[in-house]
PDB file of N, CA and C in Angstrom:
ATOM      1  N   MET A   1      38.129  37.804 -38.765  1.00  0.00           N
ATOM      2  CA  MET A   1      37.471  39.078 -38.926  1.00  0.00           C
ATOM      3  C   MET A   1      36.130  38.997 -38.191  1.00  0.00           C
ATOM      4  N   ASP A   2      35.989  39.781 -37.186  1.00  0.00           N
ATOM      5  CA  ASP A   2      34.751  39.813 -36.408  1.00  0.00           C
ATOM      6  C   ASP A   2      33.959  41.065 -36.750  1.00  0.00           C
ATOM      7  N   ILE A   3      32.700  40.859 -37.114  1.00  0.00           N
ATOM      8  CA  ILE A   3      31.801  41.972 -37.412  1.00  0.00           C
ATOM      9  C   ILE A   3      30.625  41.850 -36.458  1.00  0.00           C
ATOM     10  N   ASP A   4      30.322  42.917 -35.783  1.00  0.00           N
ATOM     11  CA  ASP A   4      29.181  42.926 -34.874  1.00  0.00           C
ATOM     12  C   ASP A   4      27.921  43.197 -35.689  1.00  0.00           C
ATOM     13  N   LEU A   5      27.239  42.133 -36.079  1.00  0.00           N
ATOM     14  CA  LEU A   5      26.060  42.260 -36.920  1.00  0.00           C
ATOM     15  C   LEU A   5      24.844  42.795 -36.166  1.00  0.00           C
ATOM     16  N   GLU A   6      24.919  42.772 -34.858  1.00  0.00           N
ATOM     17  CA  GLU A   6      23.792  43.233 -34.034  1.00  0.00           C
ATOM     18  C   GLU A   6      23.532  44.728 -34.220  1.00  0.00           C
ATOM     19  N   GLN A   7      24.537  45.471 -34.624  1.00  0.00           N
ATOM     20  CA  GLN A   7      24.387  46.928 -34.755  1.00  0.00           C
ATOM     21  C   GLN A   7      23.707  47.335 -36.067  1.00  0.00           C
ATOM     22  N   TYR A   8      23.512  46.388 -36.972  1.00  0.00           N
ATOM     23  CA  TYR A   8      22.917  46.696 -38.271  1.00  0.00           C
ATOM     24  C   TYR A   8      21.413  46.459 -38.266  1.00  0.00           C
ATOM     25  N   SER A   9      20.705  47.271 -39.071  1.00  0.00           N
ATOM     26  CA  SER A   9      19.260  47.072 -39.226  1.00  0.00           C
ATOM     27  C   SER A   9      19.026  45.914 -40.202  1.00  0.00           C
ATOM     28  N   LYS A  10      17.793  45.479 -40.268  1.00  0.00           N
ATOM     29  CA  LYS A  10      17.443  44.387 -41.158  1.00  0.00           C
ATOM     30  C   LYS A  10      17.762  44.767 -42.613  1.00  0.00           C
ATOM     31  N   GLU A  11      17.445  46.003 -42.987  1.00  0.00           N
ATOM     32  CA  GLU A  11      17.711  46.465 -44.354  1.00  0.00           C
ATOM     33  C   GLU A  11      19.215  46.533 -44.628  1.00  0.00           C
ATOM     34  N   ASP A  12      19.996  46.991 -43.648  1.00  0.00           N
ATOM     35  CA  ASP A  12      21.458  47.040 -43.802  1.00  0.00           C
ATOM     36  C   ASP A  12      22.032  45.636 -43.978  1.00  0.00           C
ATOM     37  N   LEU A  13      21.509  44.670 -43.234  1.00  0.00           N
ATOM     38  CA  LEU A  13      21.980  43.287 -43.343  1.00  0.00           C
ATOM     39  C   LEU A  13      21.639  42.690 -44.707  1.00  0.00           C
ATOM     40  N   ARG A  14      20.440  43.013 -45.233  1.00  0.00           N
ATOM     41  CA  ARG A  14      20.075  42.527 -46.569  1.00  0.00           C
ATOM     42  C   ARG A  14      21.007  43.104 -47.631  1.00  0.00           C
ATOM     43  N   LYS A  15      21.330  44.391 -47.497  1.00  0.00           N
ATOM     44  CA  LYS A  15      22.236  45.024 -48.451  1.00  0.00           C
ATOM     45  C   LYS A  15      23.627  44.403 -48.337  1.00  0.00           C
ATOM     46  N   LEU A  16      24.080  44.175 -47.121  1.00  0.00           N
ATOM     47  CA  LEU A  16      25.380  43.548 -46.906  1.00  0.00           C
ATOM     48  C   LEU A  16      25.404  42.149 -47.520  1.00  0.00           C
ATOM     49  N   LYS A  17      24.323  41.401 -47.330  1.00  0.00           N
ATOM     50  CA  LYS A  17      24.228  40.054 -47.894  1.00  0.00           C
ATOM     51  C   LYS A  17      24.310  40.104 -49.417  1.00  0.00           C
ATOM     52  N   ALA A  18      23.600  41.041 -50.039  1.00  0.00           N
ATOM     53  CA  ALA A  18      23.625  41.185 -51.504  1.00  0.00           C
ATOM     54  C   ALA A  18      25.031  41.554 -51.973  1.00  0.00           C
ATOM     55  N   ASP A  19      25.688  42.450 -51.245  1.00  0.00           N
ATOM     56  CA  ASP A  19      27.051  42.853 -51.606  1.00  0.00           C
ATOM     57  C   ASP A  19      28.018  41.673 -51.497  1.00  0.00           C
ATOM     58  N   VAL A  20      27.869  40.855 -50.465  1.00  0.00           N
ATOM     59  CA  VAL A  20      28.733  39.695 -50.277  1.00  0.00           C
ATOM     60  C   VAL A  20      28.503  38.683 -51.395  1.00  0.00           C
ATOM     61  N   GLU A  21      27.244  38.432 -51.746  1.00  0.00           N
ATOM     62  CA  GLU A  21      26.942  37.483 -52.819  1.00  0.00           C
ATOM     63  C   GLU A  21      27.517  37.960 -54.150  1.00  0.00           C
ATOM     64  N   ARG A  22      27.419  39.266 -54.417  1.00  0.00           N
ATOM     65  CA  ARG A  22      27.966  39.824 -55.652  1.00  0.00           C
ATOM     66  C   ARG A  22      29.492  39.688 -55.667  1.00  0.00           C
ATOM     67  N   ALA A  23      30.134  39.937 -54.540  1.00  0.00           N
ATOM     68  CA  ALA A  23      31.589  39.826 -54.441  1.00  0.00           C
ATOM     69  C   ALA A  23      32.039  38.374 -54.629  1.00  0.00           C
ATOM     70  N   LEU A  24      31.289  37.433 -54.077  1.00  0.00           N
ATOM     71  CA  LEU A  24      31.631  36.016 -54.236  1.00  0.00           C
ATOM     72  C   LEU A  24      31.530  35.570 -55.691  1.00  0.00           C
ATOM     73  N   LYS A  25      30.540  36.097 -56.412  1.00  0.00           N
ATOM     74  CA  LYS A  25      30.365  35.711 -57.815  1.00  0.00           C
ATOM     75  C   LYS A  25      31.496  36.229 -58.696  1.00  0.00           C
ATOM     76  N   THR A  26      32.094  37.344 -58.334  1.00  0.00           N
ATOM     77  CA  THR A  26      33.104  37.964 -59.200  1.00  0.00           C
ATOM     78  C   THR A  26      34.533  37.788 -58.703  1.00  0.00           C
ATOM     79  N   ILE A  27      34.728  37.099 -57.591  1.00  0.00           N
ATOM     80  CA  ILE A  27      36.068  37.020 -57.010  1.00  0.00           C
ATOM     81  C   ILE A  27      37.069  36.327 -57.941  1.00  0.00           C
ATOM     82  N   ASP A  28      36.680  35.239 -58.610  1.00  0.00           N
ATOM     83  CA  ASP A  28      37.611  34.552 -59.509  1.00  0.00           C
ATOM     84  C   ASP A  28      38.015  35.438 -60.677  1.00  0.00           C
ATOM     85  N   ALA A  29      37.041  36.140 -61.247  1.00  0.00           N
ATOM     86  CA  ALA A  29      37.340  37.031 -62.378  1.00  0.00           C
ATOM     87  C   ALA A  29      38.287  38.146 -61.939  1.00  0.00           C
ATOM     88  N   ARG A  30      38.057  38.689 -60.754  1.00  0.00           N
ATOM     89  CA  ARG A  30      38.936  39.759 -60.259  1.00  0.00           C
ATOM     90  C   ARG A  30      40.340  39.244 -59.994  1.00  0.00           C
ATOM     91  N   ARG A  31      40.456  38.056 -59.425  1.00  0.00           N
ATOM     92  CA  ARG A  31      41.779  37.486 -59.131  1.00  0.00           C
ATOM     93  C   ARG A  31      42.529  37.126 -60.408  1.00  0.00           C
ATOM     94  N   LYS A  32      41.805  36.615 -61.422  1.00  0.00           N
ATOM     95  CA  LYS A  32      42.443  36.315 -62.709  1.00  0.00           C
ATOM     96  C   LYS A  32      42.962  37.597 -63.351  1.00  0.00           C
ATOM     97  N   ALA A  33      42.168  38.663 -63.281  1.00  0.00           N
ATOM     98  CA  ALA A  33      42.591  39.948 -63.851  1.00  0.00           C
ATOM     99  C   ALA A  33      43.837  40.459 -63.126  1.00  0.00           C
ATOM    100  N   GLU A  34      43.864  40.312 -61.807  1.00  0.00           N
ATOM    101  CA  GLU A  34      45.046  40.708 -61.017  1.00  0.00           C
ATOM    102  C   GLU A  34      46.275  39.907 -61.437  1.00  0.00           C
ATOM    103  N   ALA A  35      46.100  38.598 -61.576  1.00  0.00           N
ATOM    104  CA  ALA A  35      47.209  37.722 -61.957  1.00  0.00           C
ATOM    105  C   ALA A  35      47.704  38.077 -63.355  1.00  0.00           C
ATOM    106  N   LYS A  36      46.786  38.370 -64.267  1.00  0.00           N
ATOM    107  CA  LYS A  36      47.180  38.733 -65.626  1.00  0.00           C
ATOM    108  C   LYS A  36      47.972  40.034 -65.621  1.00  0.00           C
ATOM    109  N   ARG A  37      47.524  41.024 -64.847  1.00  0.00           N
ATOM    110  CA  ARG A  37      48.260  42.293 -64.759  1.00  0.00           C
ATOM    111  C   ARG A  37      49.662  42.072 -64.210  1.00  0.00           C
ATOM    112  N   ALA A  38      49.781  41.223 -63.199  1.00  0.00           N
ATOM    113  CA  ALA A  38      51.095  40.937 -62.614  1.00  0.00           C
ATOM    114  C   ALA A  38      51.994  40.229 -63.630  1.00  0.00           C
ATOM    115  N   ALA A  39      51.434  39.295 -64.390  1.00  0.00           N
ATOM    116  CA  ALA A  39      52.221  38.583 -65.398  1.00  0.00           C
ATOM    117  C   ALA A  39      52.647  39.527 -66.516  1.00  0.00           C
ATOM    118  N   GLU A  40      51.745  40.413 -66.940  1.00  0.00           N
ATOM    119  CA  GLU A  40      52.094  41.391 -67.968  1.00  0.00           C
ATOM    120  C   GLU A  40      53.214  42.308 -67.496  1.00  0.00           C
ATOM    121  N   HIS A  41      53.135  42.717 -66.244  1.00  0.00           N
ATOM    122  CA  HIS A  41      54.169  43.581 -65.672  1.00  0.00           C
ATOM    123  C   HIS A  41      55.520  42.855 -65.641  1.00  0.00           C
ATOM    124  N   ALA A  42      55.518  41.600 -65.219  1.00  0.00           N
ATOM    125  CA  ALA A  42      56.762  40.818 -65.156  1.00  0.00           C
ATOM    126  C   ALA A  42      57.344  40.627 -66.559  1.00  0.00           C
ATOM    127  N   ALA A  43      56.508  40.337 -67.545  1.00  0.00           N
ATOM    128  CA  ALA A  43      56.988  40.154 -68.920  1.00  0.00           C
ATOM    129  C   ALA A  43      57.573  41.453 -69.456  1.00  0.00           C
ATOM    130  N   LYS A  44      56.916  42.564 -69.137  1.00  0.00           N
ATOM    131  CA  LYS A  44      57.373  43.877 -69.610  1.00  0.00           C
ATOM    132  C   LYS A  44      58.756  44.217 -69.044  1.00  0.00           C
ATOM    133  N   GLU A  45      59.032  43.800 -67.819  1.00  0.00           N
ATOM    134  CA  GLU A  45      60.344  44.048 -67.215  1.00  0.00           C
ATOM    135  C   GLU A  45      61.470  43.416 -68.014  1.00  0.00           C
ATOM    136  N   TYR A  46      61.159  42.332 -68.726  1.00  0.00           N
ATOM    137  CA  TYR A  46      62.158  41.639 -69.542  1.00  0.00           C
ATOM    138  C   TYR A  46      62.066  42.022 -71.020  1.00  0.00           C
ATOM    139  N   GLY A  47      61.204  42.981 -71.337  1.00  0.00           N
ATOM    140  CA  GLY A  47      61.097  43.467 -72.704  1.00  0.00           C
ATOM    141  C   GLY A  47      60.172  42.668 -73.596  1.00  0.00           C
ATOM    142  N   PHE A  48      59.250  41.911 -73.019  1.00  0.00           N
ATOM    143  CA  PHE A  48      58.319  41.105 -73.793  1.00  0.00           C
ATOM    144  C   PHE A  48      56.889  41.473 -73.437  1.00  0.00           C
ATOM    145  N   SER A  49      55.979  41.091 -74.334  1.00  0.00           N
ATOM    146  CA  SER A  49      54.566  41.171 -73.981  1.00  0.00           C
ATOM    147  C   SER A  49      54.154  39.781 -73.494  1.00  0.00           C
ATOM    148  N   LEU A  50      53.070  39.709 -72.798  1.00  0.00           N
ATOM    149  CA  LEU A  50      52.587  38.419 -72.311  1.00  0.00           C
ATOM    150  C   LEU A  50      52.246  37.506 -73.487  1.00  0.00           C
ATOM    151  N   ASP A  51      51.700  38.076 -74.563  1.00  0.00           N
ATOM    152  CA  ASP A  51      51.381  37.276 -75.759  1.00  0.00           C
ATOM    153  C   ASP A  51      52.642  36.667 -76.361  1.00  0.00           C
ATOM    154  N   ASP A  52      53.762  37.413 -76.366  1.00  0.00           N
ATOM    155  CA  ASP A  52      55.021  36.868 -76.883  1.00  0.00           C
ATOM    156  C   ASP A  52      55.401  35.598 -76.124  1.00  0.00           C
ATOM    157  N   LEU A  53      55.254  35.620 -74.831  1.00  0.00           N
ATOM    158  CA  LEU A  53      55.663  34.491 -74.002  1.00  0.00           C
ATOM    159  C   LEU A  53      54.709  33.313 -74.120  1.00  0.00           C
ATOM    160  N   ILE A  54      53.440  33.577 -74.229  1.00  0.00           N
ATOM    161  CA  ILE A  54      52.462  32.503 -74.293  1.00  0.00           C
ATOM    162  C   ILE A  54      52.590  31.746 -75.606  1.00  0.00           C
ATOM    163  N   VAL A  55      52.751  32.445 -76.715  1.00  0.00           N
ATOM    164  CA  VAL A  55      52.875  31.789 -78.015  1.00  0.00           C
ATOM    165  C   VAL A  55      54.150  30.963 -78.062  1.00  0.00           C
ATOM    166  N   GLU A  56      55.277  31.532 -77.613  1.00  0.00           N
ATOM    167  CA  GLU A  56      56.535  30.800 -77.621  1.00  0.00           C
ATOM    168  C   GLU A  56      56.548  29.697 -76.583  1.00  0.00           C
ATOM    169  N   GLY A  57      55.908  29.935 -75.456  1.00  0.00           N
ATOM    170  CA  GLY A  57      55.938  28.987 -74.359  1.00  0.00           C
ATOM    171  C   GLY A  57      55.117  27.745 -74.591  1.00  0.00           C
ATOM    172  N   GLY A  58      54.419  27.690 -75.675  1.00  0.00           N
ATOM    173  CA  GLY A  58      53.678  26.467 -75.977  1.00  0.00           C
ATOM    174  C   GLY A  58      52.202  26.722 -76.148  1.00  0.00           C
ATOM    175  N   GLY A  59      51.592  27.428 -75.213  1.00  0.00           N
ATOM    176  CA  GLY A  59      50.158  27.641 -75.332  1.00  0.00           C
ATOM    177  C   GLY A  59      49.429  26.316 -75.389  1.00  0.00           C
ATOM    178  N   LYS A  60      48.712  26.105 -76.465  1.00  0.00           N
ATOM    179  CA  LYS A  60      47.944  24.880 -76.641  1.00  0.00           C
ATOM    180  C   LYS A  60      48.874  23.753 -77.090  1.00  0.00           C
ATOM    181  N   ALA A  61      48.609  22.570 -76.616  1.00  0.00           N
ATOM    182  CA  ALA A  61      49.434  21.416 -76.958  1.00  0.00           C
ATOM    183  C   ALA A  61      49.308  21.093 -78.445  1.00  0.00           C
ATOM    184  N   SER A  62      50.345  20.552 -79.001  1.00  0.00           N
ATOM    185  CA  SER A  62      50.361  20.162 -80.403  1.00  0.00           C
ATOM    186  C   SER A  62      49.348  19.047 -80.647  1.00  0.00           C
ATOM    187  N   LYS A  63      48.747  19.065 -81.814  1.00  0.00           N
ATOM    188  CA  LYS A  63      47.756  18.039 -82.139  1.00  0.00           C
ATOM    189  C   LYS A  63      48.410  16.728 -82.545  1.00  0.00           C
ATOM    190  N   GLY A  64      49.678  16.738 -82.838  1.00  0.00           N
ATOM    191  CA  GLY A  64      50.353  15.517 -83.255  1.00  0.00           C
ATOM    192  C   GLY A  64      50.629  15.524 -84.750  1.00  0.00           C
ATOM    193  N   ILE A  65      51.340  14.534 -85.184  1.00  0.00           N
ATOM    194  CA  ILE A  65      51.731  14.417 -86.584  1.00  0.00           C
ATOM    195  C   ILE A  65      50.638  13.683 -87.350  1.00  0.00           C
ATOM    196  N   PRO A  66      50.182  14.266 -88.456  1.00  0.00           N
ATOM    197  CA  PRO A  66      49.167  13.569 -89.256  1.00  0.00           C
ATOM    198  C   PRO A  66      49.732  12.278 -89.838  1.00  0.00           C
ATOM    199  N   ARG A  67      48.968  11.208 -89.768  1.00  0.00           N
ATOM    200  CA  ARG A  67      49.400   9.918 -90.293  1.00  0.00           C
ATOM    201  C   ARG A  67      48.517   9.443 -91.446  1.00  0.00           C
ATOM    202  N   TYR A  68      47.344  10.068 -91.580  1.00  0.00           N
ATOM    203  CA  TYR A  68      46.399   9.663 -92.615  1.00  0.00           C
ATOM    204  C   TYR A  68      45.884  10.911 -93.329  1.00  0.00           C
ATOM    205  N   LYS A  69      45.571  10.766 -94.620  1.00  0.00           N
ATOM    206  CA  LYS A  69      44.988  11.881 -95.364  1.00  0.00           C
ATOM    207  C   LYS A  69      43.819  11.389 -96.203  1.00  0.00           C
ATOM    208  N   ASN A  70      42.916  12.298 -96.461  1.00  0.00           N
ATOM    209  CA  ASN A  70      41.750  12.010 -97.276  1.00  0.00           C
ATOM    210  C   ASN A  70      42.197  11.992 -98.734  1.00  0.00           C
ATOM    211  N   PRO A  71      42.059  10.853 -99.431  1.00  0.00           N
ATOM    212  CA  PRO A  71      42.500  10.793-100.823  1.00  0.00           C
ATOM    213  C   PRO A  71      41.741  11.755-101.736  1.00  0.00           C
ATOM    214  N   GLU A  72      40.519  12.099-101.371  1.00  0.00           N
ATOM    215  CA  GLU A  72      39.721  13.019-102.182  1.00  0.00           C
ATOM    216  C   GLU A  72      40.014  14.477-101.860  1.00  0.00           C
ATOM    217  N   ASP A  73      40.556  14.751-100.665  1.00  0.00           N
ATOM    218  CA  ASP A  73      40.916  16.116-100.259  1.00  0.00           C
ATOM    219  C   ASP A  73      42.146  16.029 -99.360  1.00  0.00           C
ATOM    220  N   PRO A  74      43.352  16.060 -99.936  1.00  0.00           N
ATOM    221  CA  PRO A  74      44.585  15.885 -99.168  1.00  0.00           C
ATOM    222  C   PRO A  74      44.811  16.916 -98.054  1.00  0.00           C
ATOM    223  N   SER A  75      44.035  18.009 -98.061  1.00  0.00           N
ATOM    224  CA  SER A  75      44.182  18.992 -96.977  1.00  0.00           C
ATOM    225  C   SER A  75      43.577  18.471 -95.672  1.00  0.00           C
ATOM    226  N   GLN A  76      42.737  17.435 -95.757  1.00  0.00           N
ATOM    227  CA  GLN A  76      42.129  16.833 -94.568  1.00  0.00           C
ATOM    228  C   GLN A  76      43.019  15.693 -94.090  1.00  0.00           C
ATOM    229  N   THR A  77      43.512  15.844 -92.861  1.00  0.00           N
ATOM    230  CA  THR A  77      44.392  14.821 -92.286  1.00  0.00           C
ATOM    231  C   THR A  77      43.878  14.395 -90.924  1.00  0.00           C
ATOM    232  N   TRP A  78      44.459  13.283 -90.435  1.00  0.00           N
ATOM    233  CA  TRP A  78      44.095  12.747 -89.116  1.00  0.00           C
ATOM    234  C   TRP A  78      45.337  12.121 -88.514  1.00  0.00           C
ATOM    235  N   THR A  79      45.528  12.309 -87.203  1.00  0.00           N
ATOM    236  CA  THR A  79      46.703  11.768 -86.512  1.00  0.00           C
ATOM    237  C   THR A  79      46.548  10.297 -86.167  1.00  0.00           C
ATOM    238  N   GLY A  80      45.335   9.794 -86.194  1.00  0.00           N
ATOM    239  CA  GLY A  80      45.093   8.422 -85.779  1.00  0.00           C
ATOM    240  C   GLY A  80      44.665   8.340 -84.326  1.00  0.00           C
ATOM    241  N   ARG A  81      44.625   9.493 -83.673  1.00  0.00           N
ATOM    242  CA  ARG A  81      44.180   9.546 -82.272  1.00  0.00           C
ATOM    243  C   ARG A  81      42.843  10.259 -82.192  1.00  0.00           C
ATOM    244  N   GLY A  82      42.072   9.901 -81.212  1.00  0.00           N
ATOM    245  CA  GLY A  82      40.781  10.555 -81.028  1.00  0.00           C
ATOM    246  C   GLY A  82      39.724   9.990 -81.957  1.00  0.00           C
ATOM    247  N   ARG A  83      38.621  10.684 -82.034  1.00  0.00           N
ATOM    248  CA  ARG A  83      37.490  10.247 -82.849  1.00  0.00           C
ATOM    249  C   ARG A  83      37.866  10.291 -84.327  1.00  0.00           C
ATOM    250  N   LYS A  84      37.434   9.298 -85.055  1.00  0.00           N
ATOM    251  CA  LYS A  84      37.705   9.242 -86.493  1.00  0.00           C
ATOM    252  C   LYS A  84      36.896  10.333 -87.192  1.00  0.00           C
ATOM    253  N   PRO A  85      37.537  11.076 -88.093  1.00  0.00           N
ATOM    254  CA  PRO A  85      36.781  12.059 -88.883  1.00  0.00           C
ATOM    255  C   PRO A  85      35.791  11.352 -89.801  1.00  0.00           C
ATOM    256  N   ASN A  86      34.782  12.070 -90.231  1.00  0.00           N
ATOM    257  CA  ASN A  86      33.754  11.483 -91.099  1.00  0.00           C
ATOM    258  C   ASN A  86      34.346  10.938 -92.389  1.00  0.00           C
ATOM    259  N   TRP A  87      35.363  11.598 -92.933  1.00  0.00           N
ATOM    260  CA  TRP A  87      35.946  11.110 -94.192  1.00  0.00           C
ATOM    261  C   TRP A  87      36.637   9.764 -93.996  1.00  0.00           C
ATOM    262  N   VAL A  88      37.193   9.512 -92.796  1.00  0.00           N
ATOM    263  CA  VAL A  88      37.801   8.206 -92.511  1.00  0.00           C
ATOM    264  C   VAL A  88      36.713   7.143 -92.423  1.00  0.00           C
ATOM    265  N   ILE A  89      35.659   7.466 -91.723  1.00  0.00           N
ATOM    266  CA  ILE A  89      34.545   6.524 -91.569  1.00  0.00           C
ATOM    267  C   ILE A  89      33.961   6.172 -92.942  1.00  0.00           C
ATOM    268  N   SER A  90      33.778   7.187 -93.798  1.00  0.00           N
ATOM    269  CA  SER A  90      33.240   6.940 -95.145  1.00  0.00           C
ATOM    270  C   SER A  90      34.171   6.053 -95.959  1.00  0.00           C
ATOM    271  N   ALA A  91      35.465   6.316 -95.880  1.00  0.00           N
ATOM    272  CA  ALA A  91      36.439   5.520 -96.632  1.00  0.00           C
ATOM    273  C   ALA A  91      36.431   4.073 -96.155  1.00  0.00           C
ATOM    274  N   LEU A  92      36.350   3.866 -94.854  1.00  0.00           N
ATOM    275  CA  LEU A  92      36.307   2.499 -94.313  1.00  0.00           C
ATOM    276  C   LEU A  92      35.019   1.797 -94.739  1.00  0.00           C
ATOM    277  N   ASP A  93      33.911   2.534 -94.755  1.00  0.00           N
ATOM    278  CA  ASP A  93      32.634   1.965 -95.202  1.00  0.00           C
ATOM    279  C   ASP A  93      32.690   1.575 -96.678  1.00  0.00           C
ATOM    280  N   ASP A  94      33.501   2.305 -97.455  1.00  0.00           N
ATOM    281  CA  ASP A  94      33.649   2.013 -98.888  1.00  0.00           C
ATOM    282  C   ASP A  94      34.636   0.883 -99.157  1.00  0.00           C
ATOM    283  N   GLY A  95      35.144   0.264 -98.118  1.00  0.00           N
ATOM    284  CA  GLY A  95      36.019  -0.891 -98.283  1.00  0.00           C
ATOM    285  C   GLY A  95      37.513  -0.587 -98.201  1.00  0.00           C
ATOM    286  N   LYS A  96      37.870   0.672 -97.958  1.00  0.00           N
ATOM    287  CA  LYS A  96      39.297   1.005 -97.837  1.00  0.00           C
ATOM    288  C   LYS A  96      39.770   0.616 -96.445  1.00  0.00           C
ATOM    289  N   THR A  97      41.083   0.499 -96.280  1.00  0.00           N
ATOM    290  CA  THR A  97      41.672   0.218 -94.964  1.00  0.00           C
ATOM    291  C   THR A  97      42.441   1.462 -94.531  1.00  0.00           C
ATOM    292  N   LEU A  98      42.807   1.485 -93.264  1.00  0.00           N
ATOM    293  CA  LEU A  98      43.622   2.605 -92.781  1.00  0.00           C
ATOM    294  C   LEU A  98      44.959   2.669 -93.517  1.00  0.00           C
ATOM    295  N   ASP A  99      45.483   1.494 -93.918  1.00  0.00           N
ATOM    296  CA  ASP A  99      46.726   1.480 -94.679  1.00  0.00           C
ATOM    297  C   ASP A  99      46.581   2.224 -96.009  1.00  0.00           C
ATOM    298  N   ASP A 100      45.394   2.161 -96.596  1.00  0.00           N
ATOM    299  CA  ASP A 100      45.125   2.871 -97.852  1.00  0.00           C
ATOM    300  C   ASP A 100      45.158   4.386 -97.657  1.00  0.00           C
ATOM    301  N   LEU A 101      44.919   4.840 -96.440  1.00  0.00           N
ATOM    302  CA  LEU A 101      44.835   6.284 -96.161  1.00  0.00           C
ATOM    303  C   LEU A 101      46.138   6.850 -95.606  1.00  0.00           C
ATOM    304  N   LYS A 102      47.119   5.998 -95.356  1.00  0.00           N
ATOM    305  CA  LYS A 102      48.388   6.453 -94.768  1.00  0.00           C
ATOM    306  C   LYS A 102      49.068   7.481 -95.667  1.00  0.00           C
ATOM    307  N   ILE A 103      49.711   8.410 -95.030  1.00  0.00           N
ATOM    308  CA  ILE A 103      50.459   9.450 -95.756  1.00  0.00           C
ATOM    309  C   ILE A 103      51.787   8.859 -96.198  1.00  0.00           C
TER     310      ILE A 103
END
């Protein structure tokens, strides 16, 4: 794309520069919106909403199977992966072992 910049005034070039900078800042957001519209249209052709497909298709990865539970609050569990929750650290400090916390 060739543009003859010589024909523009200094003020026109400054405005063009500002417009280009604004377009560069928003290009990813505009392209994502375009892609989302296209995906919604494709899903609609098959009788689904995009949300239907994303939830069924997996979305976020599973956290894994809990292997340990807090004896004081059984609703608190841990898979054994990642950072230890504070309740695990407290239990270990109190002399318990991970085997004591197994589900």
